[in-house]
Amino acid sequence: FSSIHDNPVHAQRMQQQAPKPVDPVVERIVKEAKENSELE
């Protein structure tokens, strides 16, 4: 939070250098929610 506030360019580089790993459970949550929704 401090880095982003003080040095947004550095924060952007960090994001580019360290992409967030994909959680397979989260992927399945998104897929199930979008493809089989019973909301309506």
PDB file of all heavy atoms in Angstrom:
ATOM      1  N   PHE A   1       0.832  -1.188   0.000  1.00  0.00           N
ATOM      2  CA  PHE A   1       0.000   0.000   0.000  1.00  0.00           C
ATOM      3  C   PHE A   1       0.878   1.254   0.000  1.00  0.00           C
ATOM      4  O   PHE A   1       0.627   2.217  -0.701  1.00  0.00           O
ATOM      5  CB  PHE A   1      -0.912   0.029   1.235  1.00  0.00           C
ATOM      6  CG  PHE A   1      -2.015  -0.982   1.171  1.00  0.00           C
ATOM      7  CD1 PHE A   1      -2.668  -1.387   2.329  1.00  0.00           C
ATOM      8  CD2 PHE A   1      -2.396  -1.542  -0.039  1.00  0.00           C
ATOM      9  CE1 PHE A   1      -3.676  -2.319   2.269  1.00  0.00           C
ATOM     10  CE2 PHE A   1      -3.416  -2.473  -0.095  1.00  0.00           C
ATOM     11  CZ  PHE A   1      -4.043  -2.856   1.055  1.00  0.00           C
ATOM     12  N   SER A   2       1.959   1.212   0.812  1.00  0.00           N
ATOM     13  CA  SER A   2       2.859   2.351   0.872  1.00  0.00           C
ATOM     14  C   SER A   2       3.561   2.554  -0.458  1.00  0.00           C
ATOM     15  O   SER A   2       3.711   3.672  -0.943  1.00  0.00           O
ATOM     16  CB  SER A   2       3.882   2.127   1.991  1.00  0.00           C
ATOM     17  OG  SER A   2       4.814   3.178   2.020  1.00  0.00           O
ATOM     18  N   SER A   3       3.971   1.449  -1.084  1.00  0.00           N
ATOM     19  CA  SER A   3       4.669   1.538  -2.364  1.00  0.00           C
ATOM     20  C   SER A   3       3.778   2.135  -3.431  1.00  0.00           C
ATOM     21  O   SER A   3       4.198   2.979  -4.223  1.00  0.00           O
ATOM     22  CB  SER A   3       5.155   0.151  -2.799  1.00  0.00           C
ATOM     23  OG  SER A   3       6.067  -0.370  -1.870  1.00  0.00           O
ATOM     24  N   ILE A   4       2.540   1.675  -3.474  1.00  0.00           N
ATOM     25  CA  ILE A   4       1.613   2.181  -4.483  1.00  0.00           C
ATOM     26  C   ILE A   4       1.370   3.666  -4.277  1.00  0.00           C
ATOM     27  O   ILE A   4       1.300   4.444  -5.222  1.00  0.00           O
ATOM     28  CB  ILE A   4       0.295   1.397  -4.421  1.00  0.00           C
ATOM     29  CG1 ILE A   4       0.540  -0.026  -4.918  1.00  0.00           C
ATOM     30  CG2 ILE A   4      -0.789   2.062  -5.264  1.00  0.00           C
ATOM     31  CD1 ILE A   4      -0.657  -0.934  -4.742  1.00  0.00           C
ATOM     32  N   HIS A   5       1.253   4.041  -3.004  1.00  0.00           N
ATOM     33  CA  HIS A   5       0.977   5.450  -2.716  1.00  0.00           C
ATOM     34  C   HIS A   5       2.168   6.330  -3.084  1.00  0.00           C
ATOM     35  O   HIS A   5       2.025   7.402  -3.658  1.00  0.00           O
ATOM     36  CB  HIS A   5       0.640   5.608  -1.220  1.00  0.00           C
ATOM     37  CG  HIS A   5       0.304   7.010  -0.849  1.00  0.00           C
ATOM     38  ND1 HIS A   5       1.258   7.897  -0.410  1.00  0.00           N
ATOM     39  CD2 HIS A   5      -0.874   7.674  -0.875  1.00  0.00           C
ATOM     40  CE1 HIS A   5       0.689   9.063  -0.171  1.00  0.00           C
ATOM     41  NE2 HIS A   5      -0.609   8.955  -0.431  1.00  0.00           N
ATOM     42  N   ASP A   6       3.402   5.834  -2.756  1.00  0.00           N
ATOM     43  CA  ASP A   6       4.585   6.657  -2.944  1.00  0.00           C
ATOM     44  C   ASP A   6       5.177   6.548  -4.344  1.00  0.00           C
ATOM     45  O   ASP A   6       5.809   7.477  -4.840  1.00  0.00           O
ATOM     46  CB  ASP A   6       5.657   6.271  -1.917  1.00  0.00           C
ATOM     47  CG  ASP A   6       5.187   6.553  -0.497  1.00  0.00           C
ATOM     48  OD1 ASP A   6       4.340   7.459  -0.335  1.00  0.00           O
ATOM     49  OD2 ASP A   6       5.662   5.867   0.416  1.00  0.00           O
ATOM     50  N   ASN A   7       4.996   5.382  -4.977  1.00  0.00           N
ATOM     51  CA  ASN A   7       5.653   5.157  -6.260  1.00  0.00           C
ATOM     52  C   ASN A   7       4.779   4.297  -7.143  1.00  0.00           C
ATOM     53  O   ASN A   7       4.973   3.085  -7.237  1.00  0.00           O
ATOM     54  CB  ASN A   7       7.008   4.482  -6.035  1.00  0.00           C
ATOM     55  CG  ASN A   7       7.840   4.467  -7.308  1.00  0.00           C
ATOM     56  OD1 ASN A   7       7.314   4.687  -8.399  1.00  0.00           O
ATOM     57  ND2 ASN A   7       9.128   4.185  -7.171  1.00  0.00           N
ATOM     58  N   PRO A   8       3.772   4.887  -7.804  1.00  0.00           N
ATOM     59  CA  PRO A   8       2.851   4.102  -8.625  1.00  0.00           C
ATOM     60  C   PRO A   8       3.543   3.392  -9.773  1.00  0.00           C
ATOM     61  O   PRO A   8       3.106   2.327 -10.209  1.00  0.00           O
ATOM     62  CB  PRO A   8       1.846   5.147  -9.116  1.00  0.00           C
ATOM     63  CG  PRO A   8       2.532   6.471  -8.945  1.00  0.00           C
ATOM     64  CD  PRO A   8       3.438   6.322  -7.784  1.00  0.00           C
ATOM     65  N   VAL A   9       4.629   3.962 -10.320  1.00  0.00           N
ATOM     66  CA  VAL A   9       5.344   3.304 -11.418  1.00  0.00           C
ATOM     67  C   VAL A   9       5.948   1.993 -10.940  1.00  0.00           C
ATOM     68  O   VAL A   9       5.881   0.958 -11.610  1.00  0.00           O
ATOM     69  CB  VAL A   9       6.432   4.234 -11.984  1.00  0.00           C
ATOM     70  CG1 VAL A   9       7.278   3.498 -13.019  1.00  0.00           C
ATOM     71  CG2 VAL A   9       5.800   5.479 -12.585  1.00  0.00           C
ATOM     72  N   HIS A  10       6.563   2.039  -9.737  1.00  0.00           N
ATOM     73  CA  HIS A  10       7.141   0.831  -9.163  1.00  0.00           C
ATOM     74  C   HIS A  10       6.065  -0.235  -8.942  1.00  0.00           C
ATOM     75  O   HIS A  10       6.280  -1.423  -9.215  1.00  0.00           O
ATOM     76  CB  HIS A  10       7.822   1.165  -7.840  1.00  0.00           C
ATOM     77  CG  HIS A  10       8.379  -0.033  -7.126  1.00  0.00           C
ATOM     78  ND1 HIS A  10       9.376  -0.821  -7.639  1.00  0.00           N
ATOM     79  CD2 HIS A  10       8.046  -0.574  -5.922  1.00  0.00           C
ATOM     80  CE1 HIS A  10       9.655  -1.798  -6.794  1.00  0.00           C
ATOM     81  NE2 HIS A  10       8.849  -1.674  -5.751  1.00  0.00           N
ATOM     82  N   ALA A  11       4.901   0.205  -8.450  1.00  0.00           N
ATOM     83  CA  ALA A  11       3.815  -0.745  -8.219  1.00  0.00           C
ATOM     84  C   ALA A  11       3.378  -1.389  -9.519  1.00  0.00           C
ATOM     85  O   ALA A  11       3.102  -2.590  -9.571  1.00  0.00           O
ATOM     86  CB  ALA A  11       2.633  -0.009  -7.565  1.00  0.00           C
ATOM     87  N   GLN A  12       3.316  -0.585 -10.578  1.00  0.00           N
ATOM     88  CA  GLN A  12       2.910  -1.129 -11.869  1.00  0.00           C
ATOM     89  C   GLN A  12       3.917  -2.175 -12.362  1.00  0.00           C
ATOM     90  O   GLN A  12       3.557  -3.219 -12.886  1.00  0.00           O
ATOM     91  CB  GLN A  12       2.768   0.001 -12.882  1.00  0.00           C
ATOM     92  CG  GLN A  12       2.239  -0.461 -14.242  1.00  0.00           C
ATOM     93  CD  GLN A  12       2.057   0.712 -15.184  1.00  0.00           C
ATOM     94  OE1 GLN A  12       2.420   1.839 -14.866  1.00  0.00           O
ATOM     95  NE2 GLN A  12       1.507   0.443 -16.344  1.00  0.00           N
ATOM     96  N   ARG A  13       5.216  -1.887 -12.165  1.00  0.00           N
ATOM     97  CA  ARG A  13       6.236  -2.847 -12.572  1.00  0.00           C
ATOM     98  C   ARG A  13       6.130  -4.146 -11.787  1.00  0.00           C
ATOM     99  O   ARG A  13       6.311  -5.237 -12.327  1.00  0.00           O
ATOM    100  CB  ARG A  13       7.620  -2.235 -12.370  1.00  0.00           C
ATOM    101  CG  ARG A  13       7.963  -1.152 -13.396  1.00  0.00           C
ATOM    102  CD  ARG A  13       9.272  -0.489 -13.055  1.00  0.00           C
ATOM    103  NE  ARG A  13       9.597   0.545 -14.025  1.00  0.00           N
ATOM    104  CZ  ARG A  13      10.575   1.424 -13.845  1.00  0.00           C
ATOM    105  NH1 ARG A  13      11.324   1.407 -12.740  1.00  0.00           N
ATOM    106  NH2 ARG A  13      10.819   2.341 -14.791  1.00  0.00           N
ATOM    107  N   MET A  14       5.826  -3.999 -10.479  1.00  0.00           N
ATOM    108  CA  MET A  14       5.668  -5.195  -9.650  1.00  0.00           C
ATOM    109  C   MET A  14       4.547  -6.074 -10.179  1.00  0.00           C
ATOM    110  O   MET A  14       4.662  -7.299 -10.243  1.00  0.00           O
ATOM    111  CB  MET A  14       5.367  -4.802  -8.197  1.00  0.00           C
ATOM    112  CG  MET A  14       6.550  -4.250  -7.419  1.00  0.00           C
ATOM    113  SD  MET A  14       6.051  -3.790  -5.758  1.00  0.00           S
ATOM    114  CE  MET A  14       5.536  -5.366  -5.113  1.00  0.00           C
ATOM    115  N   GLN A  15       3.437  -5.438 -10.567  1.00  0.00           N
ATOM    116  CA  GLN A  15       2.317  -6.194 -11.094  1.00  0.00           C
ATOM    117  C   GLN A  15       2.702  -6.900 -12.389  1.00  0.00           C
ATOM    118  O   GLN A  15       2.327  -8.045 -12.636  1.00  0.00           O
ATOM    119  CB  GLN A  15       1.137  -5.260 -11.329  1.00  0.00           C
ATOM    120  CG  GLN A  15       0.535  -4.707 -10.033  1.00  0.00           C
ATOM    121  CD  GLN A  15      -0.549  -3.680 -10.299  1.00  0.00           C
ATOM    122  OE1 GLN A  15      -0.721  -3.219 -11.420  1.00  0.00           O
ATOM    123  NE2 GLN A  15      -1.269  -3.299  -9.260  1.00  0.00           N
ATOM    124  N   GLN A  16       3.473  -6.196 -13.223  1.00  0.00           N
ATOM    125  CA  GLN A  16       3.864  -6.782 -14.499  1.00  0.00           C
ATOM    126  C   GLN A  16       4.840  -7.938 -14.297  1.00  0.00           C
ATOM    127  O   GLN A  16       4.804  -8.938 -15.012  1.00  0.00           O
ATOM    128  CB  GLN A  16       4.508  -5.702 -15.380  1.00  0.00           C
ATOM    129  CG  GLN A  16       3.530  -4.631 -15.837  1.00  0.00           C
ATOM    130  CD  GLN A  16       4.221  -3.481 -16.537  1.00  0.00           C
ATOM    131  OE1 GLN A  16       5.455  -3.375 -16.506  1.00  0.00           O
ATOM    132  NE2 GLN A  16       3.442  -2.611 -17.169  1.00  0.00           N
ATOM    133  N   GLN A  17       5.737  -7.809 -13.306  1.00  0.00           N
ATOM    134  CA  GLN A  17       6.746  -8.821 -13.093  1.00  0.00           C
ATOM    135  C   GLN A  17       6.211 -10.030 -12.335  1.00  0.00           C
ATOM    136  O   GLN A  17       6.761 -11.116 -12.455  1.00  0.00           O
ATOM    137  CB  GLN A  17       7.916  -8.208 -12.316  1.00  0.00           C
ATOM    138  CG  GLN A  17       8.673  -7.143 -13.105  1.00  0.00           C
ATOM    139  CD  GLN A  17       9.683  -6.404 -12.242  1.00  0.00           C
ATOM    140  OE1 GLN A  17       9.851  -6.727 -11.066  1.00  0.00           O
ATOM    141  NE2 GLN A  17      10.340  -5.420 -12.833  1.00  0.00           N
ATOM    142  N   ALA A  18       5.185  -9.824 -11.524  1.00  0.00           N
ATOM    143  CA  ALA A  18       4.689 -10.920 -10.697  1.00  0.00           C
ATOM    144  C   ALA A  18       3.195 -11.094 -10.900  1.00  0.00           C
ATOM    145  O   ALA A  18       2.396 -10.673 -10.075  1.00  0.00           O
ATOM    146  CB  ALA A  18       5.000 -10.649  -9.227  1.00  0.00           C
ATOM    147  N   PRO A  19       2.802 -11.692 -12.019  1.00  0.00           N
ATOM    148  CA  PRO A  19       1.376 -11.896 -12.253  1.00  0.00           C
ATOM    149  C   PRO A  19       0.784 -12.812 -11.192  1.00  0.00           C
ATOM    150  O   PRO A  19       1.442 -13.735 -10.701  1.00  0.00           O
ATOM    151  CB  PRO A  19       1.348 -12.554 -13.640  1.00  0.00           C
ATOM    152  CG  PRO A  19       2.694 -13.166 -13.798  1.00  0.00           C
ATOM    153  CD  PRO A  19       3.645 -12.255 -13.092  1.00  0.00           C
ATOM    154  N   LYS A  20      -0.451 -12.518 -10.845  1.00  0.00           N
ATOM    155  CA  LYS A  20      -1.120 -13.274  -9.795  1.00  0.00           C
ATOM    156  C   LYS A  20      -1.395 -14.702 -10.261  1.00  0.00           C
ATOM    157  O   LYS A  20      -1.955 -14.909 -11.340  1.00  0.00           O
ATOM    158  CB  LYS A  20      -2.435 -12.583  -9.425  1.00  0.00           C
ATOM    159  CG  LYS A  20      -3.146 -13.227  -8.251  1.00  0.00           C
ATOM    160  CD  LYS A  20      -4.335 -12.403  -7.813  1.00  0.00           C
ATOM    161  CE  LYS A  20      -5.431 -12.386  -8.853  1.00  0.00           C
ATOM    162  NZ  LYS A  20      -6.636 -11.698  -8.358  1.00  0.00           N
ATOM    163  N   PRO A  21      -0.987 -15.701  -9.490  1.00  0.00           N
ATOM    164  CA  PRO A  21      -1.276 -17.084  -9.887  1.00  0.00           C
ATOM    165  C   PRO A  21      -2.782 -17.346  -9.895  1.00  0.00           C
ATOM    166  O   PRO A  21      -3.530 -16.769  -9.104  1.00  0.00           O
ATOM    167  CB  PRO A  21      -0.575 -17.911  -8.807  1.00  0.00           C
ATOM    168  CG  PRO A  21      -0.450 -16.990  -7.629  1.00  0.00           C
ATOM    169  CD  PRO A  21      -0.263 -15.616  -8.209  1.00  0.00           C
ATOM    170  N   VAL A  22      -3.196 -18.213 -10.771  1.00  0.00           N
ATOM    171  CA  VAL A  22      -4.612 -18.531 -10.895  1.00  0.00           C
ATOM    172  C   VAL A  22      -4.965 -19.668  -9.947  1.00  0.00           C
ATOM    173  O   VAL A  22      -4.314 -20.713  -9.939  1.00  0.00           O
ATOM    174  CB  VAL A  22      -4.953 -18.915 -12.351  1.00  0.00           C
ATOM    175  CG1 VAL A  22      -6.424 -19.312 -12.452  1.00  0.00           C
ATOM    176  CG2 VAL A  22      -4.635 -17.766 -13.292  1.00  0.00           C
ATOM    177  N   ASP A  23      -5.993 -19.439  -9.131  1.00  0.00           N
ATOM    178  CA  ASP A  23      -6.478 -20.459  -8.199  1.00  0.00           C
ATOM    179  C   ASP A  23      -7.528 -21.288  -8.934  1.00  0.00           C
ATOM    180  O   ASP A  23      -8.565 -20.752  -9.348  1.00  0.00           O
ATOM    181  CB  ASP A  23      -7.075 -19.783  -6.969  1.00  0.00           C
ATOM    182  CG  ASP A  23      -7.490 -20.767  -5.888  1.00  0.00           C
ATOM    183  OD1 ASP A  23      -7.904 -21.890  -6.240  1.00  0.00           O
ATOM    184  OD2 ASP A  23      -7.422 -20.406  -4.701  1.00  0.00           O
ATOM    185  N   PRO A  24      -7.305 -22.592  -9.094  1.00  0.00           N
ATOM    186  CA  PRO A  24      -8.268 -23.406  -9.847  1.00  0.00           C
ATOM    187  C   PRO A  24      -9.658 -23.449  -9.214  1.00  0.00           C
ATOM    188  O   PRO A  24     -10.662 -23.567  -9.923  1.00  0.00           O
ATOM    189  CB  PRO A  24      -7.618 -24.794  -9.866  1.00  0.00           C
ATOM    190  CG  PRO A  24      -6.617 -24.776  -8.753  1.00  0.00           C
ATOM    191  CD  PRO A  24      -6.140 -23.372  -8.645  1.00  0.00           C
ATOM    192  N   VAL A  25      -9.739 -23.331  -7.882  1.00  0.00           N
ATOM    193  CA  VAL A  25     -11.047 -23.320  -7.227  1.00  0.00           C
ATOM    194  C   VAL A  25     -11.800 -22.049  -7.598  1.00  0.00           C
ATOM    195  O   VAL A  25     -13.004 -22.086  -7.884  1.00  0.00           O
ATOM    196  CB  VAL A  25     -10.904 -23.447  -5.699  1.00  0.00           C
ATOM    197  CG1 VAL A  25     -12.266 -23.298  -5.019  1.00  0.00           C
ATOM    198  CG2 VAL A  25     -10.275 -24.779  -5.326  1.00  0.00           C
ATOM    199  N   VAL A  26     -11.091 -20.927  -7.611  1.00  0.00           N
ATOM    200  CA  VAL A  26     -11.723 -19.672  -8.010  1.00  0.00           C
ATOM    201  C   VAL A  26     -12.190 -19.755  -9.456  1.00  0.00           C
ATOM    202  O   VAL A  26     -13.289 -19.292  -9.799  1.00  0.00           O
ATOM    203  CB  VAL A  26     -10.758 -18.487  -7.808  1.00  0.00           C
ATOM    204  CG1 VAL A  26     -11.350 -17.206  -8.382  1.00  0.00           C
ATOM    205  CG2 VAL A  26     -10.433 -18.302  -6.328  1.00  0.00           C
ATOM    206  N   GLU A  27     -11.376 -20.344 -10.308  1.00  0.00           N
ATOM    207  CA  GLU A  27     -11.781 -20.509 -11.713  1.00  0.00           C
ATOM    208  C   GLU A  27     -13.071 -21.305 -11.824  1.00  0.00           C
ATOM    209  O   GLU A  27     -13.965 -20.967 -12.600  1.00  0.00           O
ATOM    210  CB  GLU A  27     -10.666 -21.217 -12.503  1.00  0.00           C
ATOM    211  CG  GLU A  27      -9.502 -20.323 -12.868  1.00  0.00           C
ATOM    212  CD  GLU A  27      -8.560 -20.996 -13.842  1.00  0.00           C
ATOM    213  OE1 GLU A  27      -8.324 -22.213 -13.683  1.00  0.00           O
ATOM    214  OE2 GLU A  27      -8.073 -20.323 -14.759  1.00  0.00           O
ATOM    215  N   ARG A  28     -13.184 -22.360 -11.026  1.00  0.00           N
ATOM    216  CA  ARG A  28     -14.391 -23.201 -11.075  1.00  0.00           C
ATOM    217  C   ARG A  28     -15.599 -22.457 -10.506  1.00  0.00           C
ATOM    218  O   ARG A  28     -16.722 -22.626 -10.987  1.00  0.00           O
ATOM    219  CB  ARG A  28     -14.156 -24.517 -10.332  1.00  0.00           C
ATOM    220  CG  ARG A  28     -13.136 -25.434 -11.011  1.00  0.00           C
ATOM    221  CD  ARG A  28     -13.263 -26.867 -10.541  1.00  0.00           C
ATOM    222  NE  ARG A  28     -12.987 -27.029  -9.127  1.00  0.00           N
ATOM    223  CZ  ARG A  28     -11.786 -27.229  -8.602  1.00  0.00           C
ATOM    224  NH1 ARG A  28     -10.720 -27.276  -9.404  1.00  0.00           N
ATOM    225  NH2 ARG A  28     -11.613 -27.376  -7.303  1.00  0.00           N
ATOM    226  N   ILE A  29     -15.360 -21.633  -9.475  1.00  0.00           N
ATOM    227  CA  ILE A  29     -16.452 -20.818  -8.916  1.00  0.00           C
ATOM    228  C   ILE A  29     -17.002 -19.893  -9.984  1.00  0.00           C
ATOM    229  O   ILE A  29     -18.220 -19.792 -10.195  1.00  0.00           O
ATOM    230  CB  ILE A  29     -15.955 -20.017  -7.695  1.00  0.00           C
ATOM    231  CG1 ILE A  29     -15.785 -20.935  -6.488  1.00  0.00           C
ATOM    232  CG2 ILE A  29     -16.933 -18.884  -7.364  1.00  0.00           C
ATOM    233  CD1 ILE A  29     -15.142 -20.261  -5.283  1.00  0.00           C
ATOM    234  N   VAL A  30     -16.110 -19.198 -10.681  1.00  0.00           N
ATOM    235  CA  VAL A  30     -16.533 -18.253 -11.717  1.00  0.00           C
ATOM    236  C   VAL A  30     -17.276 -18.988 -12.828  1.00  0.00           C
ATOM    237  O   VAL A  30     -18.332 -18.532 -13.300  1.00  0.00           O
ATOM    238  CB  VAL A  30     -15.313 -17.498 -12.277  1.00  0.00           C
ATOM    239  CG1 VAL A  30     -15.726 -16.643 -13.474  1.00  0.00           C
ATOM    240  CG2 VAL A  30     -14.679 -16.630 -11.195  1.00  0.00           C
ATOM    241  N   LYS A  31     -16.751 -20.116 -13.236  1.00  0.00           N
ATOM    242  CA  LYS A  31     -17.366 -20.894 -14.321  1.00  0.00           C
ATOM    243  C   LYS A  31     -18.759 -21.365 -13.932  1.00  0.00           C
ATOM    244  O   LYS A  31     -19.720 -21.228 -14.691  1.00  0.00           O
ATOM    245  CB  LYS A  31     -16.474 -22.091 -14.657  1.00  0.00           C
ATOM    246  CG  LYS A  31     -17.004 -22.991 -15.776  1.00  0.00           C
ATOM    247  CD  LYS A  31     -16.031 -24.133 -16.033  1.00  0.00           C
ATOM    248  CE  LYS A  31     -16.578 -25.121 -17.049  1.00  0.00           C
ATOM    249  NZ  LYS A  31     -16.699 -24.533 -18.388  1.00  0.00           N
ATOM    250  N   GLU A  32     -18.889 -21.926 -12.732  1.00  0.00           N
ATOM    251  CA  GLU A  32     -20.189 -22.425 -12.271  1.00  0.00           C
ATOM    252  C   GLU A  32     -21.196 -21.286 -12.126  1.00  0.00           C
ATOM    253  O   GLU A  32     -22.361 -21.409 -12.544  1.00  0.00           O
ATOM    254  CB  GLU A  32     -20.028 -23.148 -10.936  1.00  0.00           C
ATOM    255  CG  GLU A  32     -21.329 -23.664 -10.322  1.00  0.00           C
ATOM    256  CD  GLU A  32     -22.002 -24.737 -11.159  1.00  0.00           C
ATOM    257  OE1 GLU A  32     -21.306 -25.467 -11.889  1.00  0.00           O
ATOM    258  OE2 GLU A  32     -23.254 -24.851 -11.075  1.00  0.00           O
ATOM    259  N   ALA A  33     -20.757 -20.162 -11.561  1.00  0.00           N
ATOM    260  CA  ALA A  33     -21.659 -19.030 -11.353  1.00  0.00           C
ATOM    261  C   ALA A  33     -22.144 -18.451 -12.672  1.00  0.00           C
ATOM    262  O   ALA A  33     -23.315 -18.063 -12.801  1.00  0.00           O
ATOM    263  CB  ALA A  33     -20.967 -17.947 -10.530  1.00  0.00           C
ATOM    264  N   LYS A  34     -21.268 -18.393 -13.661  1.00  0.00           N
ATOM    265  CA  LYS A  34     -21.630 -17.780 -14.933  1.00  0.00           C
ATOM    266  C   LYS A  34     -22.404 -18.727 -15.856  1.00  0.00           C
ATOM    267  O   LYS A  34     -23.323 -18.289 -16.561  1.00  0.00           O
ATOM    268  CB  LYS A  34     -20.367 -17.285 -15.646  1.00  0.00           C
ATOM    269  CG  LYS A  34     -19.744 -16.055 -15.013  1.00  0.00           C
ATOM    270  CD  LYS A  34     -18.568 -15.537 -15.837  1.00  0.00           C
ATOM    271  CE  LYS A  34     -18.022 -14.235 -15.273  1.00  0.00           C
ATOM    272  NZ  LYS A  34     -16.880 -13.716 -16.081  1.00  0.00           N
ATOM    273  N   GLU A  35     -22.038 -19.994 -15.853  1.00  0.00           N
ATOM    274  CA  GLU A  35     -22.618 -20.906 -16.836  1.00  0.00           C
ATOM    275  C   GLU A  35     -23.870 -21.617 -16.357  1.00  0.00           C
ATOM    276  O   GLU A  35     -24.680 -22.063 -17.177  1.00  0.00           O
ATOM    277  CB  GLU A  35     -21.564 -21.939 -17.262  1.00  0.00           C
ATOM    278  CG  GLU A  35     -20.377 -21.318 -17.997  1.00  0.00           C
ATOM    279  CD  GLU A  35     -19.383 -22.360 -18.480  1.00  0.00           C
ATOM    280  OE1 GLU A  35     -19.635 -23.576 -18.281  1.00  0.00           O
ATOM    281  OE2 GLU A  35     -18.354 -21.962 -19.058  1.00  0.00           O
ATOM    282  N   ASN A  36     -24.050 -21.737 -15.046  1.00  0.00           N
ATOM    283  CA  ASN A  36     -25.190 -22.503 -14.526  1.00  0.00           C
ATOM    284  C   ASN A  36     -26.021 -21.712 -13.520  1.00  0.00           C
ATOM    285  O   ASN A  36     -26.648 -22.293 -12.632  1.00  0.00           O
ATOM    286  CB  ASN A  36     -24.687 -23.801 -13.880  1.00  0.00           C
ATOM    287  CG  ASN A  36     -23.960 -24.684 -14.865  1.00  0.00           C
ATOM    288  OD1 ASN A  36     -24.467 -24.996 -15.937  1.00  0.00           O
ATOM    289  ND2 ASN A  36     -22.745 -25.100 -14.510  1.00  0.00           N
ATOM    290  N   SER A  37     -26.034 -20.399 -13.662  1.00  0.00           N
ATOM    291  CA  SER A  37     -26.711 -19.550 -12.691  1.00  0.00           C
ATOM    292  C   SER A  37     -28.194 -19.893 -12.553  1.00  0.00           C
ATOM    293  O   SER A  37     -28.893 -20.115 -13.540  1.00  0.00           O
ATOM    294  CB  SER A  37     -26.576 -18.081 -13.099  1.00  0.00           C
ATOM    295  OG  SER A  37     -27.330 -17.256 -12.228  1.00  0.00           O
ATOM    296  N   GLU A  38     -28.657 -19.906 -11.303  1.00  0.00           N
ATOM    297  CA  GLU A  38     -30.085 -20.082 -11.023  1.00  0.00           C
ATOM    298  C   GLU A  38     -30.698 -18.805 -10.451  1.00  0.00           C
ATOM    299  O   GLU A  38     -31.804 -18.833  -9.916  1.00  0.00           O
ATOM    300  CB  GLU A  38     -30.302 -21.259 -10.060  1.00  0.00           C
ATOM    301  CG  GLU A  38     -29.992 -22.614 -10.680  1.00  0.00           C
ATOM    302  CD  GLU A  38     -30.558 -23.779  -9.878  1.00  0.00           C
ATOM    303  OE1 GLU A  38     -31.494 -23.568  -9.069  1.00  0.00           O
ATOM    304  OE2 GLU A  38     -30.062 -24.904 -10.070  1.00  0.00           O
ATOM    305  N   LEU A  39     -29.991 -17.691 -10.571  1.00  0.00           N
ATOM    306  CA  LEU A  39     -30.481 -16.447  -9.982  1.00  0.00           C
ATOM    307  C   LEU A  39     -31.865 -16.059 -10.489  1.00  0.00           C
ATOM    308  O   LEU A  39     -32.744 -15.671  -9.701  1.00  0.00           O
ATOM    309  CB  LEU A  39     -29.492 -15.316 -10.258  1.00  0.00           C
ATOM    310  CG  LEU A  39     -28.229 -15.288  -9.388  1.00  0.00           C
ATOM    311  CD1 LEU A  39     -27.243 -14.258  -9.921  1.00  0.00           C
ATOM    312  CD2 LEU A  39     -28.581 -14.985  -7.934  1.00  0.00           C
ATOM    313  N   GLU A  40     -32.078 -16.133 -11.791  1.00  0.00           N
ATOM    314  CA  GLU A  40     -33.371 -15.713 -12.333  1.00  0.00           C
ATOM    315  C   GLU A  40     -34.488 -16.651 -11.897  1.00  0.00           C
ATOM    316  O   GLU A  40     -35.599 -16.204 -11.608  1.00  0.00           O
ATOM    317  CB  GLU A  40     -33.288 -15.622 -13.856  1.00  0.00           C
ATOM    318  CG  GLU A  40     -32.394 -14.499 -14.334  1.00  0.00           C
ATOM    319  CD  GLU A  40     -32.492 -14.256 -15.827  1.00  0.00           C
ATOM    320  OE1 GLU A  40     -33.532 -14.601 -16.419  1.00  0.00           O
ATOM    321  OE2 GLU A  40     -31.526 -13.725 -16.411  1.00  0.00           O
TER     322      GLU A  40
END
